[in-house]
Amino acid sequence: QVQLVESGGGLVQAGGSLRLSCAASGRTASSASLGWFRQAPGKERELVARFSRSGLTTYLADSVKSRFTISRDNAKNTVFLQMRSLKADDTAVYYCATSSDWLKGVDYWGQGTQVTVAS
């Protein structure tokens, strides 16, 4: 039983910034188990950012690697996605997710939050 509560989505102008938050409660191991996915209209859901199993390293999709940052607050069991230099191609529903082993797949999903980048 896990609950993921997201916030921070909205409408942003191209070149702007936005920070998404996801607070986890329930049977999540730690905030290091949290990651971000996104799904644009007509496209498959893709991994955007996550932590390594150790929590010491972050992984980001190539398309966002130089612009996005994933971070966490272990005490609050919260993960953040700081998005900078947003492009129209970043428009998507962004999902928080948790997994005990990313190689096995996602265990729980958040409800998703819409990010729209206007050009």
PDB file of N, CA and C in Angstrom:
ATOM      1  N   GLN A   1       0.831  -1.185   0.000  1.00  0.00           N
ATOM      2  CA  GLN A   1       0.000   0.000   0.000  1.00  0.00           C
ATOM      3  C   GLN A   1       0.876   1.250   0.000  1.00  0.00           C
ATOM      4  N   VAL A   2       0.860   1.958  -1.127  1.00  0.00           N
ATOM      5  CA  VAL A   2       1.685   3.146  -1.306  1.00  0.00           C
ATOM      6  C   VAL A   2       0.822   4.255  -1.887  1.00  0.00           C
ATOM      7  N   GLN A   3       1.050   5.442  -1.410  1.00  0.00           N
ATOM      8  CA  GLN A   3       0.376   6.616  -1.946  1.00  0.00           C
ATOM      9  C   GLN A   3       1.419   7.629  -2.394  1.00  0.00           C
ATOM     10  N   LEU A   4       1.286   8.091  -3.621  1.00  0.00           N
ATOM     11  CA  LEU A   4       2.186   9.078  -4.191  1.00  0.00           C
ATOM     12  C   LEU A   4       1.375  10.316  -4.543  1.00  0.00           C
ATOM     13  N   VAL A   5       1.734  11.431  -3.963  1.00  0.00           N
ATOM     14  CA  VAL A   5       1.007  12.678  -4.155  1.00  0.00           C
ATOM     15  C   VAL A   5       1.916  13.670  -4.862  1.00  0.00           C
ATOM     16  N   GLU A   6       1.518  14.072  -6.058  1.00  0.00           N
ATOM     17  CA  GLU A   6       2.317  14.954  -6.889  1.00  0.00           C
ATOM     18  C   GLU A   6       1.767  16.372  -6.870  1.00  0.00           C
ATOM     19  N   SER A   7       2.642  17.306  -7.142  1.00  0.00           N
ATOM     20  CA  SER A   7       2.258  18.701  -7.256  1.00  0.00           C
ATOM     21  C   SER A   7       3.290  19.436  -8.094  1.00  0.00           C
ATOM     22  N   GLY A   8       2.924  20.602  -8.586  1.00  0.00           N
ATOM     23  CA  GLY A   8       3.858  21.465  -9.274  1.00  0.00           C
ATOM     24  C   GLY A   8       3.670  21.596 -10.771  1.00  0.00           C
ATOM     25  N   GLY A   9       2.789  20.805 -11.362  1.00  0.00           N
ATOM     26  CA  GLY A   9       2.565  20.913 -12.787  1.00  0.00           C
ATOM     27  C   GLY A   9       1.834  22.192 -13.146  1.00  0.00           C
ATOM     28  N   GLY A  10       1.812  22.491 -14.432  1.00  0.00           N
ATOM     29  CA  GLY A  10       1.127  23.682 -14.883  1.00  0.00           C
ATOM     30  C   GLY A  10       1.549  24.096 -16.269  1.00  0.00           C
ATOM     31  N   LEU A  11       1.176  25.307 -16.624  1.00  0.00           N
ATOM     32  CA  LEU A  11       1.493  25.890 -17.919  1.00  0.00           C
ATOM     33  C   LEU A  11       2.692  26.810 -17.782  1.00  0.00           C
ATOM     34  N   VAL A  12       3.683  26.601 -18.637  1.00  0.00           N
ATOM     35  CA  VAL A  12       4.919  27.367 -18.592  1.00  0.00           C
ATOM     36  C   VAL A  12       5.300  27.796 -20.004  1.00  0.00           C
ATOM     37  N   GLN A  13       5.883  28.973 -20.115  1.00  0.00           N
ATOM     38  CA  GLN A  13       6.395  29.422 -21.395  1.00  0.00           C
ATOM     39  C   GLN A  13       7.703  28.721 -21.729  1.00  0.00           C
ATOM     40  N   ALA A  14       7.951  28.517 -23.008  1.00  0.00           N
ATOM     41  CA  ALA A  14       9.208  27.922 -23.430  1.00  0.00           C
ATOM     42  C   ALA A  14      10.385  28.708 -22.862  1.00  0.00           C
ATOM     43  N   GLY A  15      11.370  27.979 -22.369  1.00  0.00           N
ATOM     44  CA  GLY A  15      12.516  28.599 -21.735  1.00  0.00           C
ATOM     45  C   GLY A  15      12.369  28.776 -20.242  1.00  0.00           C
ATOM     46  N   GLY A  16      11.181  28.559 -19.731  1.00  0.00           N
ATOM     47  CA  GLY A  16      10.927  28.722 -18.313  1.00  0.00           C
ATOM     48  C   GLY A  16      11.295  27.497 -17.502  1.00  0.00           C
ATOM     49  N   SER A  17      10.996  27.572 -16.217  1.00  0.00           N
ATOM     50  CA  SER A  17      11.341  26.504 -15.283  1.00  0.00           C
ATOM     51  C   SER A  17      10.125  26.091 -14.478  1.00  0.00           C
ATOM     52  N   LEU A  18      10.194  24.880 -13.963  1.00  0.00           N
ATOM     53  CA  LEU A  18       9.123  24.332 -13.155  1.00  0.00           C
ATOM     54  C   LEU A  18       9.712  23.251 -12.262  1.00  0.00           C
ATOM     55  N   ARG A  19       9.212  23.157 -11.047  1.00  0.00           N
ATOM     56  CA  ARG A  19       9.660  22.106 -10.141  1.00  0.00           C
ATOM     57  C   ARG A  19       8.485  21.244  -9.717  1.00  0.00           C
ATOM     58  N   LEU A  20       8.597  19.955  -9.972  1.00  0.00           N
ATOM     59  CA  LEU A  20       7.599  18.993  -9.571  1.00  0.00           C
ATOM     60  C   LEU A  20       8.004  18.343  -8.257  1.00  0.00           C
ATOM     61  N   SER A  21       7.012  18.032  -7.442  1.00  0.00           N
ATOM     62  CA  SER A  21       7.245  17.361  -6.176  1.00  0.00           C
ATOM     63  C   SER A  21       6.379  16.120  -6.090  1.00  0.00           C
ATOM     64  N   CYS A  22       6.876  15.121  -5.395  1.00  0.00           N
ATOM     65  CA  CYS A  22       6.131  13.896  -5.162  1.00  0.00           C
ATOM     66  C   CYS A  22       6.416  13.426  -3.750  1.00  0.00           C
ATOM     67  N   ALA A  23       5.381  13.409  -2.933  1.00  0.00           N
ATOM     68  CA  ALA A  23       5.498  12.939  -1.559  1.00  0.00           C
ATOM     69  C   ALA A  23       4.952  11.526  -1.460  1.00  0.00           C
ATOM     70  N   ALA A  24       5.745  10.634  -0.909  1.00  0.00           N
ATOM     71  CA  ALA A  24       5.374   9.230  -0.810  1.00  0.00           C
ATOM     72  C   ALA A  24       5.031   8.857   0.622  1.00  0.00           C
ATOM     73  N   SER A  25       4.032   8.020   0.763  1.00  0.00           N
ATOM     74  CA  SER A  25       3.667   7.481   2.065  1.00  0.00           C
ATOM     75  C   SER A  25       3.272   6.026   1.901  1.00  0.00           C
ATOM     76  N   GLY A  26       3.328   5.294   2.988  1.00  0.00           N
ATOM     77  CA  GLY A  26       3.014   3.883   2.940  1.00  0.00           C
ATOM     78  C   GLY A  26       4.270   3.034   2.899  1.00  0.00           C
ATOM     79  N   ARG A  27       4.208   1.976   2.129  1.00  0.00           N
ATOM     80  CA  ARG A  27       5.284   0.987   2.133  1.00  0.00           C
ATOM     81  C   ARG A  27       6.362   1.262   1.095  1.00  0.00           C
ATOM     82  N   THR A  28       6.818   2.487   1.055  1.00  0.00           N
ATOM     83  CA  THR A  28       7.967   2.818   0.220  1.00  0.00           C
ATOM     84  C   THR A  28       9.224   2.667   1.057  1.00  0.00           C
ATOM     85  N   ALA A  29      10.238   2.113   0.447  1.00  0.00           N
ATOM     86  CA  ALA A  29      11.471   1.883   1.174  1.00  0.00           C
ATOM     87  C   ALA A  29      12.142   3.192   1.573  1.00  0.00           C
ATOM     88  N   SER A  30      12.249   4.101   0.621  1.00  0.00           N
ATOM     89  CA  SER A  30      12.877   5.388   0.845  1.00  0.00           C
ATOM     90  C   SER A  30      12.609   6.277  -0.353  1.00  0.00           C
ATOM     91  N   SER A  31      12.943   7.545  -0.211  1.00  0.00           N
ATOM     92  CA  SER A  31      12.784   8.467  -1.325  1.00  0.00           C
ATOM     93  C   SER A  31      13.708   8.114  -2.483  1.00  0.00           C
ATOM     94  N   ALA A  32      14.748   7.364  -2.204  1.00  0.00           N
ATOM     95  CA  ALA A  32      15.645   6.918  -3.263  1.00  0.00           C
ATOM     96  C   ALA A  32      14.981   5.920  -4.194  1.00  0.00           C
ATOM     97  N   SER A  33      13.868   5.357  -3.769  1.00  0.00           N
ATOM     98  CA  SER A  33      13.119   4.422  -4.597  1.00  0.00           C
ATOM     99  C   SER A  33      12.170   5.118  -5.560  1.00  0.00           C
ATOM    100  N   LEU A  34      12.141   6.437  -5.532  1.00  0.00           N
ATOM    101  CA  LEU A  34      11.216   7.222  -6.346  1.00  0.00           C
ATOM    102  C   LEU A  34      11.874   7.708  -7.631  1.00  0.00           C
ATOM    103  N   GLY A  35      11.078   7.816  -8.671  1.00  0.00           N
ATOM    104  CA  GLY A  35      11.568   8.320  -9.942  1.00  0.00           C
ATOM    105  C   GLY A  35      10.451   8.998 -10.714  1.00  0.00           C
ATOM    106  N   TRP A  36      10.812   9.541 -11.861  1.00  0.00           N
ATOM    107  CA  TRP A  36       9.875  10.288 -12.693  1.00  0.00           C
ATOM    108  C   TRP A  36       9.789   9.712 -14.094  1.00  0.00           C
ATOM    109  N   PHE A  37       8.568   9.602 -14.595  1.00  0.00           N
ATOM    110  CA  PHE A  37       8.276   9.233 -15.966  1.00  0.00           C
ATOM    111  C   PHE A  37       7.433  10.332 -16.600  1.00  0.00           C
ATOM    112  N   ARG A  38       7.308  10.281 -17.909  1.00  0.00           N
ATOM    113  CA  ARG A  38       6.398  11.194 -18.584  1.00  0.00           C
ATOM    114  C   ARG A  38       5.815  10.519 -19.814  1.00  0.00           C
ATOM    115  N   GLN A  39       4.660  10.994 -20.213  1.00  0.00           N
ATOM    116  CA  GLN A  39       3.999  10.481 -21.402  1.00  0.00           C
ATOM    117  C   GLN A  39       3.385  11.642 -22.170  1.00  0.00           C
ATOM    118  N   ALA A  40       3.900  11.867 -23.357  1.00  0.00           N
ATOM    119  CA  ALA A  40       3.382  12.900 -24.236  1.00  0.00           C
ATOM    120  C   ALA A  40       2.245  12.333 -25.070  1.00  0.00           C
ATOM    121  N   PRO A  41       1.377  13.186 -25.582  1.00  0.00           N
ATOM    122  CA  PRO A  41       0.263  12.708 -26.402  1.00  0.00           C
ATOM    123  C   PRO A  41       0.740  11.875 -27.588  1.00  0.00           C
ATOM    124  N   GLY A  42       0.162  10.694 -27.739  1.00  0.00           N
ATOM    125  CA  GLY A  42       0.506   9.824 -28.841  1.00  0.00           C
ATOM    126  C   GLY A  42       1.832   9.111 -28.715  1.00  0.00           C
ATOM    127  N   LYS A  43       2.485   9.233 -27.574  1.00  0.00           N
ATOM    128  CA  LYS A  43       3.777   8.604 -27.383  1.00  0.00           C
ATOM    129  C   LYS A  43       3.764   7.669 -26.182  1.00  0.00           C
ATOM    130  N   GLU A  44       4.751   6.803 -26.124  1.00  0.00           N
ATOM    131  CA  GLU A  44       4.872   5.866 -25.022  1.00  0.00           C
ATOM    132  C   GLU A  44       5.410   6.559 -23.781  1.00  0.00           C
ATOM    133  N   ARG A  45       5.057   6.000 -22.635  1.00  0.00           N
ATOM    134  CA  ARG A  45       5.585   6.513 -21.392  1.00  0.00           C
ATOM    135  C   ARG A  45       7.079   6.209 -21.310  1.00  0.00           C
ATOM    136  N   GLU A  46       7.847   7.195 -20.878  1.00  0.00           N
ATOM    137  CA  GLU A  46       9.285   7.032 -20.829  1.00  0.00           C
ATOM    138  C   GLU A  46       9.837   7.456 -19.480  1.00  0.00           C
ATOM    139  N   LEU A  47      10.927   6.822 -19.118  1.00  0.00           N
ATOM    140  CA  LEU A  47      11.628   7.192 -17.893  1.00  0.00           C
ATOM    141  C   LEU A  47      12.338   8.516 -18.097  1.00  0.00           C
ATOM    142  N   VAL A  48      12.156   9.426 -17.159  1.00  0.00           N
ATOM    143  CA  VAL A  48      12.800  10.729 -17.212  1.00  0.00           C
ATOM    144  C   VAL A  48      14.002  10.784 -16.284  1.00  0.00           C
ATOM    145  N   ALA A  49      13.820  10.355 -15.057  1.00  0.00           N
ATOM    146  CA  ALA A  49      14.891  10.444 -14.079  1.00  0.00           C
ATOM    147  C   ALA A  49      14.637   9.482 -12.929  1.00  0.00           C
ATOM    148  N   ARG A  50      15.707   8.977 -12.377  1.00  0.00           N
ATOM    149  CA  ARG A  50      15.615   8.109 -11.214  1.00  0.00           C
ATOM    150  C   ARG A  50      16.960   8.086 -10.504  1.00  0.00           C
ATOM    151  N   PHE A  51      16.979   7.466  -9.352  1.00  0.00           N
ATOM    152  CA  PHE A  51      18.209   7.258  -8.610  1.00  0.00           C
ATOM    153  C   PHE A  51      18.724   5.856  -8.852  1.00  0.00           C
ATOM    154  N   SER A  52      20.013   5.682  -8.665  1.00  0.00           N
ATOM    155  CA  SER A  52      20.578   4.341  -8.643  1.00  0.00           C
ATOM    156  C   SER A  52      20.108   3.632  -7.377  1.00  0.00           C
ATOM    157  N   ARG A  53      20.361   2.329  -7.307  1.00  0.00           N
ATOM    158  CA  ARG A  53      19.932   1.574  -6.137  1.00  0.00           C
ATOM    159  C   ARG A  53      20.578   2.086  -4.862  1.00  0.00           C
ATOM    160  N   SER A  54      21.782   2.582  -4.968  1.00  0.00           N
ATOM    161  CA  SER A  54      22.468   3.132  -3.810  1.00  0.00           C
ATOM    162  C   SER A  54      21.927   4.499  -3.408  1.00  0.00           C
ATOM    163  N   GLY A  55      21.270   5.168  -4.340  1.00  0.00           N
ATOM    164  CA  GLY A  55      20.790   6.510  -4.094  1.00  0.00           C
ATOM    165  C   GLY A  55      21.851   7.574  -4.241  1.00  0.00           C
ATOM    166  N   LEU A  56      23.037   7.179  -4.635  1.00  0.00           N
ATOM    167  CA  LEU A  56      24.158   8.102  -4.724  1.00  0.00           C
ATOM    168  C   LEU A  56      24.342   8.684  -6.119  1.00  0.00           C
ATOM    169  N   THR A  57      23.697   8.090  -7.098  1.00  0.00           N
ATOM    170  CA  THR A  57      23.830   8.521  -8.480  1.00  0.00           C
ATOM    171  C   THR A  57      22.450   8.740  -9.079  1.00  0.00           C
ATOM    172  N   THR A  58      22.353   9.697  -9.982  1.00  0.00           N
ATOM    173  CA  THR A  58      21.100   9.940 -10.678  1.00  0.00           C
ATOM    174  C   THR A  58      21.242   9.590 -12.151  1.00  0.00           C
ATOM    175  N   TYR A  59      20.145   9.159 -12.740  1.00  0.00           N
ATOM    176  CA  TYR A  59      20.085   8.851 -14.163  1.00  0.00           C
ATOM    177  C   TYR A  59      18.979   9.672 -14.792  1.00  0.00           C
ATOM    178  N   LEU A  60      19.280  10.285 -15.901  1.00  0.00           N
ATOM    179  CA  LEU A  60      18.306  11.086 -16.619  1.00  0.00           C
ATOM    180  C   LEU A  60      18.276  10.705 -18.089  1.00  0.00           C
ATOM    181  N   ALA A  61      17.112  10.837 -18.688  1.00  0.00           N
ATOM    182  CA  ALA A  61      16.992  10.594 -20.114  1.00  0.00           C
ATOM    183  C   ALA A  61      17.871  11.572 -20.878  1.00  0.00           C
ATOM    184  N   ASP A  62      18.400  11.117 -22.000  1.00  0.00           N
ATOM    185  CA  ASP A  62      19.288  11.969 -22.786  1.00  0.00           C
ATOM    186  C   ASP A  62      18.626  13.287 -23.193  1.00  0.00           C
ATOM    187  N   SER A  63      17.338  13.245 -23.448  1.00  0.00           N
ATOM    188  CA  SER A  63      16.631  14.424 -23.911  1.00  0.00           C
ATOM    189  C   SER A  63      16.521  15.522 -22.858  1.00  0.00           C
ATOM    190  N   VAL A  64      16.724  15.175 -21.592  1.00  0.00           N
ATOM    191  CA  VAL A  64      16.587  16.152 -20.516  1.00  0.00           C
ATOM    192  C   VAL A  64      17.842  16.274 -19.674  1.00  0.00           C
ATOM    193  N   LYS A  65      18.864  15.555 -20.011  1.00  0.00           N
ATOM    194  CA  LYS A  65      20.038  15.382 -19.150  1.00  0.00           C
ATOM    195  C   LYS A  65      20.690  16.698 -18.742  1.00  0.00           C
ATOM    196  N   SER A  66      20.754  17.645 -19.631  1.00  0.00           N
ATOM    197  CA  SER A  66      21.413  18.910 -19.350  1.00  0.00           C
ATOM    198  C   SER A  66      20.484  19.958 -18.759  1.00  0.00           C
ATOM    199  N   ARG A  67      19.199  19.628 -18.626  1.00  0.00           N
ATOM    200  CA  ARG A  67      18.213  20.626 -18.215  1.00  0.00           C
ATOM    201  C   ARG A  67      17.451  20.267 -16.952  1.00  0.00           C
ATOM    202  N   PHE A  68      17.291  18.982 -16.669  1.00  0.00           N
ATOM    203  CA  PHE A  68      16.503  18.535 -15.523  1.00  0.00           C
ATOM    204  C   PHE A  68      17.416  18.005 -14.431  1.00  0.00           C
ATOM    205  N   THR A  69      16.928  18.100 -13.208  1.00  0.00           N
ATOM    206  CA  THR A  69      17.638  17.564 -12.057  1.00  0.00           C
ATOM    207  C   THR A  69      16.654  16.849 -11.144  1.00  0.00           C
ATOM    208  N   ILE A  70      17.008  15.651 -10.729  1.00  0.00           N
ATOM    209  CA  ILE A  70      16.205  14.936  -9.745  1.00  0.00           C
ATOM    210  C   ILE A  70      16.913  15.021  -8.396  1.00  0.00           C
ATOM    211  N   SER A  71      16.145  15.265  -7.353  1.00  0.00           N
ATOM    212  CA  SER A  71      16.691  15.346  -6.011  1.00  0.00           C
ATOM    213  C   SER A  71      15.656  14.811  -5.034  1.00  0.00           C
ATOM    214  N   ARG A  72      16.036  14.694  -3.778  1.00  0.00           N
ATOM    215  CA  ARG A  72      15.107  14.138  -2.804  1.00  0.00           C
ATOM    216  C   ARG A  72      15.364  14.699  -1.426  1.00  0.00           C
ATOM    217  N   ASP A  73      14.340  14.589  -0.603  1.00  0.00           N
ATOM    218  CA  ASP A  73      14.416  14.921   0.805  1.00  0.00           C
ATOM    219  C   ASP A  73      14.090  13.635   1.544  1.00  0.00           C
ATOM    220  N   ASN A  74      15.094  12.983   2.064  1.00  0.00           N
ATOM    221  CA  ASN A  74      14.897  11.688   2.700  1.00  0.00           C
ATOM    222  C   ASN A  74      13.989  11.773   3.929  1.00  0.00           C
ATOM    223  N   ALA A  75      14.124  12.838   4.692  1.00  0.00           N
ATOM    224  CA  ALA A  75      13.324  12.984   5.903  1.00  0.00           C
ATOM    225  C   ALA A  75      11.838  13.087   5.588  1.00  0.00           C
ATOM    226  N   LYS A  76      11.505  13.722   4.472  1.00  0.00           N
ATOM    227  CA  LYS A  76      10.113  13.902   4.079  1.00  0.00           C
ATOM    228  C   LYS A  76       9.648  12.865   3.071  1.00  0.00           C
ATOM    229  N   ASN A  77      10.534  11.950   2.700  1.00  0.00           N
ATOM    230  CA  ASN A  77      10.229  10.922   1.703  1.00  0.00           C
ATOM    231  C   ASN A  77       9.622  11.552   0.448  1.00  0.00           C
ATOM    232  N   THR A  78      10.303  12.552  -0.042  1.00  0.00           N
ATOM    233  CA  THR A  78       9.825  13.345  -1.165  1.00  0.00           C
ATOM    234  C   THR A  78      10.893  13.422  -2.246  1.00  0.00           C
ATOM    235  N   VAL A  79      10.456  13.342  -3.485  1.00  0.00           N
ATOM    236  CA  VAL A  79      11.355  13.477  -4.619  1.00  0.00           C
ATOM    237  C   VAL A  79      10.931  14.688  -5.439  1.00  0.00           C
ATOM    238  N   PHE A  80      11.913  15.361  -6.030  1.00  0.00           N
ATOM    239  CA  PHE A  80      11.669  16.554  -6.820  1.00  0.00           C
ATOM    240  C   PHE A  80      12.215  16.366  -8.229  1.00  0.00           C
ATOM    241  N   LEU A  81      11.610  17.054  -9.152  1.00  0.00           N
ATOM    242  CA  LEU A  81      12.138  17.144 -10.503  1.00  0.00           C
ATOM    243  C   LEU A  81      12.203  18.618 -10.872  1.00  0.00           C
ATOM    244  N   GLN A  82      13.413  19.147 -10.897  1.00  0.00           N
ATOM    245  CA  GLN A  82      13.623  20.532 -11.286  1.00  0.00           C
ATOM    246  C   GLN A  82      13.824  20.581 -12.793  1.00  0.00           C
ATOM    247  N   MET A  83      12.949  21.276 -13.484  1.00  0.00           N
ATOM    248  CA  MET A  83      12.979  21.355 -14.932  1.00  0.00           C
ATOM    249  C   MET A  83      13.332  22.779 -15.348  1.00  0.00           C
ATOM    250  N   ARG A  84      14.348  22.915 -16.165  1.00  0.00           N
ATOM    251  CA  ARG A  84      14.815  24.205 -16.646  1.00  0.00           C
ATOM    252  C   ARG A  84      14.840  24.221 -18.168  1.00  0.00           C
ATOM    253  N   SER A  85      14.870  25.414 -18.720  1.00  0.00           N
ATOM    254  CA  SER A  85      14.930  25.587 -20.174  1.00  0.00           C
ATOM    255  C   SER A  85      13.909  24.705 -20.875  1.00  0.00           C
ATOM    256  N   LEU A  86      12.694  24.776 -20.419  1.00  0.00           N
ATOM    257  CA  LEU A  86      11.647  23.903 -20.929  1.00  0.00           C
ATOM    258  C   LEU A  86      11.352  24.168 -22.402  1.00  0.00           C
ATOM    259  N   LYS A  87      11.081  23.087 -23.109  1.00  0.00           N
ATOM    260  CA  LYS A  87      10.769  23.125 -24.527  1.00  0.00           C
ATOM    261  C   LYS A  87       9.368  22.582 -24.750  1.00  0.00           C
ATOM    262  N   ALA A  88       8.836  22.872 -25.919  1.00  0.00           N
ATOM    263  CA  ALA A  88       7.517  22.358 -26.261  1.00  0.00           C
ATOM    264  C   ALA A  88       7.487  20.837 -26.209  1.00  0.00           C
ATOM    265  N   ASP A  89       8.595  20.203 -26.548  1.00  0.00           N
ATOM    266  CA  ASP A  89       8.669  18.744 -26.528  1.00  0.00           C
ATOM    267  C   ASP A  89       8.592  18.165 -25.123  1.00  0.00           C
ATOM    268  N   ASP A  90       8.753  18.998 -24.115  1.00  0.00           N
ATOM    269  CA  ASP A  90       8.631  18.538 -22.735  1.00  0.00           C
ATOM    270  C   ASP A  90       7.183  18.428 -22.291  1.00  0.00           C
ATOM    271  N   THR A  91       6.272  18.923 -23.088  1.00  0.00           N
ATOM    272  CA  THR A  91       4.858  18.839 -22.756  1.00  0.00           C
ATOM    273  C   THR A  91       4.438  17.378 -22.623  1.00  0.00           C
ATOM    274  N   ALA A  92       3.905  17.038 -21.463  1.00  0.00           N
ATOM    275  CA  ALA A  92       3.536  15.655 -21.188  1.00  0.00           C
ATOM    276  C   ALA A  92       2.859  15.585 -19.834  1.00  0.00           C
ATOM    277  N   VAL A  93       2.274  14.438 -19.551  1.00  0.00           N
ATOM    278  CA  VAL A  93       1.851  14.127 -18.202  1.00  0.00           C
ATOM    279  C   VAL A  93       3.039  13.487 -17.497  1.00  0.00           C
ATOM    280  N   TYR A  94       3.424  14.050 -16.386  1.00  0.00           N
ATOM    281  CA  TYR A  94       4.562  13.559 -15.630  1.00  0.00           C
ATOM    282  C   TYR A  94       4.073  12.723 -14.456  1.00  0.00           C
ATOM    283  N   TYR A  95       4.645  11.539 -14.316  1.00  0.00           N
ATOM    284  CA  TYR A  95       4.235  10.592 -13.296  1.00  0.00           C
ATOM    285  C   TYR A  95       5.369  10.314 -12.326  1.00  0.00           C
ATOM    286  N   CYS A  96       5.058  10.382 -11.067  1.00  0.00           N
ATOM    287  CA  CYS A  96       5.939   9.879 -10.035  1.00  0.00           C
ATOM    288  C   CYS A  96       5.713   8.377  -9.913  1.00  0.00           C
ATOM    289  N   ALA A  97       6.771   7.643  -9.641  1.00  0.00           N
ATOM    290  CA  ALA A  97       6.659   6.199  -9.513  1.00  0.00           C
ATOM    291  C   ALA A  97       7.673   5.688  -8.506  1.00  0.00           C
ATOM    292  N   THR A  98       7.411   4.517  -7.987  1.00  0.00           N
ATOM    293  CA  THR A  98       8.333   3.893  -7.049  1.00  0.00           C
ATOM    294  C   THR A  98       8.538   2.435  -7.427  1.00  0.00           C
ATOM    295  N   SER A  99       9.714   1.947  -7.134  1.00  0.00           N
ATOM    296  CA  SER A  99      10.052   0.569  -7.433  1.00  0.00           C
ATOM    297  C   SER A  99      11.107   0.081  -6.460  1.00  0.00           C
ATOM    298  N   SER A 100      10.975  -1.166  -6.038  1.00  0.00           N
ATOM    299  CA  SER A 100      12.004  -1.787  -5.227  1.00  0.00           C
ATOM    300  C   SER A 100      13.182  -2.239  -6.076  1.00  0.00           C
ATOM    301  N   ASP A 101      12.931  -2.391  -7.363  1.00  0.00           N
ATOM    302  CA  ASP A 101      13.962  -2.803  -8.316  1.00  0.00           C
ATOM    303  C   ASP A 101      13.531  -2.331  -9.694  1.00  0.00           C
ATOM    304  N   TRP A 102      14.169  -1.302 -10.187  1.00  0.00           N
ATOM    305  CA  TRP A 102      13.769  -0.722 -11.473  1.00  0.00           C
ATOM    306  C   TRP A 102      13.907  -1.704 -12.618  1.00  0.00           C
ATOM    307  N   LEU A 103      14.779  -2.683 -12.478  1.00  0.00           N
ATOM    308  CA  LEU A 103      14.923  -3.688 -13.522  1.00  0.00           C
ATOM    309  C   LEU A 103      13.703  -4.591 -13.622  1.00  0.00           C
ATOM    310  N   LYS A 104      12.928  -4.681 -12.555  1.00  0.00           N
ATOM    311  CA  LYS A 104      11.715  -5.494 -12.544  1.00  0.00           C
ATOM    312  C   LYS A 104      10.489  -4.704 -12.981  1.00  0.00           C
ATOM    313  N   GLY A 105      10.572  -3.391 -12.904  1.00  0.00           N
ATOM    314  CA  GLY A 105       9.457  -2.560 -13.298  1.00  0.00           C
ATOM    315  C   GLY A 105       8.959  -1.671 -12.169  1.00  0.00           C
ATOM    316  N   VAL A 106       7.908  -0.936 -12.451  1.00  0.00           N
ATOM    317  CA  VAL A 106       7.321  -0.009 -11.501  1.00  0.00           C
ATOM    318  C   VAL A 106       6.325  -0.729 -10.608  1.00  0.00           C
ATOM    319  N   ASP A 107       6.370  -0.418  -9.316  1.00  0.00           N
ATOM    320  CA  ASP A 107       5.437  -1.008  -8.370  1.00  0.00           C
ATOM    321  C   ASP A 107       4.171  -0.167  -8.198  1.00  0.00           C
ATOM    322  N   TYR A 108       4.343   1.149  -8.090  1.00  0.00           N
ATOM    323  CA  TYR A 108       3.222   2.050  -7.898  1.00  0.00           C
ATOM    324  C   TYR A 108       3.431   3.324  -8.696  1.00  0.00           C
ATOM    325  N   TRP A 109       2.320   3.882  -9.160  1.00  0.00           N
ATOM    326  CA  TRP A 109       2.315   5.128  -9.912  1.00  0.00           C
ATOM    327  C   TRP A 109       1.566   6.222  -9.161  1.00  0.00           C
ATOM    328  N   GLY A 110       2.012   7.448  -9.345  1.00  0.00           N
ATOM    329  CA  GLY A 110       1.228   8.582  -8.923  1.00  0.00           C
ATOM    330  C   GLY A 110       0.120   8.853  -9.923  1.00  0.00           C
ATOM    331  N   GLN A 111      -0.690   9.846  -9.637  1.00  0.00           N
ATOM    332  CA  GLN A 111      -1.831  10.151 -10.494  1.00  0.00           C
ATOM    333  C   GLN A 111      -1.437  10.879 -11.770  1.00  0.00           C
ATOM    334  N   GLY A 112      -0.260  11.440 -11.794  1.00  0.00           N
ATOM    335  CA  GLY A 112       0.208  12.206 -12.928  1.00  0.00           C
ATOM    336  C   GLY A 112      -0.123  13.676 -12.789  1.00  0.00           C
ATOM    337  N   THR A 113       0.757  14.512 -13.278  1.00  0.00           N
ATOM    338  CA  THR A 113       0.524  15.947 -13.285  1.00  0.00           C
ATOM    339  C   THR A 113       0.894  16.504 -14.655  1.00  0.00           C
ATOM    340  N   GLN A 114       0.024  17.332 -15.191  1.00  0.00           N
ATOM    341  CA  GLN A 114       0.206  17.856 -16.540  1.00  0.00           C
ATOM    342  C   GLN A 114       1.207  18.993 -16.553  1.00  0.00           C
ATOM    343  N   VAL A 115       2.169  18.898 -17.454  1.00  0.00           N
ATOM    344  CA  VAL A 115       3.097  19.981 -17.728  1.00  0.00           C
ATOM    345  C   VAL A 115       2.908  20.389 -19.182  1.00  0.00           C
ATOM    346  N   THR A 116       2.560  21.631 -19.385  1.00  0.00           N
ATOM    347  CA  THR A 116       2.361  22.151 -20.730  1.00  0.00           C
ATOM    348  C   THR A 116       3.313  23.309 -20.964  1.00  0.00           C
ATOM    349  N   VAL A 117       4.115  23.192 -22.003  1.00  0.00           N
ATOM    350  CA  VAL A 117       5.079  24.232 -22.353  1.00  0.00           C
ATOM    351  C   VAL A 117       4.571  24.935 -23.601  1.00  0.00           C
ATOM    352  N   ALA A 118       4.283  26.195 -23.465  1.00  0.00           N
ATOM    353  CA  ALA A 118       3.749  26.984 -24.562  1.00  0.00           C
ATOM    354  C   ALA A 118       4.884  27.622 -25.352  1.00  0.00           C
ATOM    355  N   SER A 119       4.785  27.546 -26.660  1.00  0.00           N
ATOM    356  CA  SER A 119       5.786  28.141 -27.537  1.00  0.00           C
ATOM    357  C   SER A 119       5.237  29.320 -28.318  1.00  0.00           C
TER     358      SER A 119
END
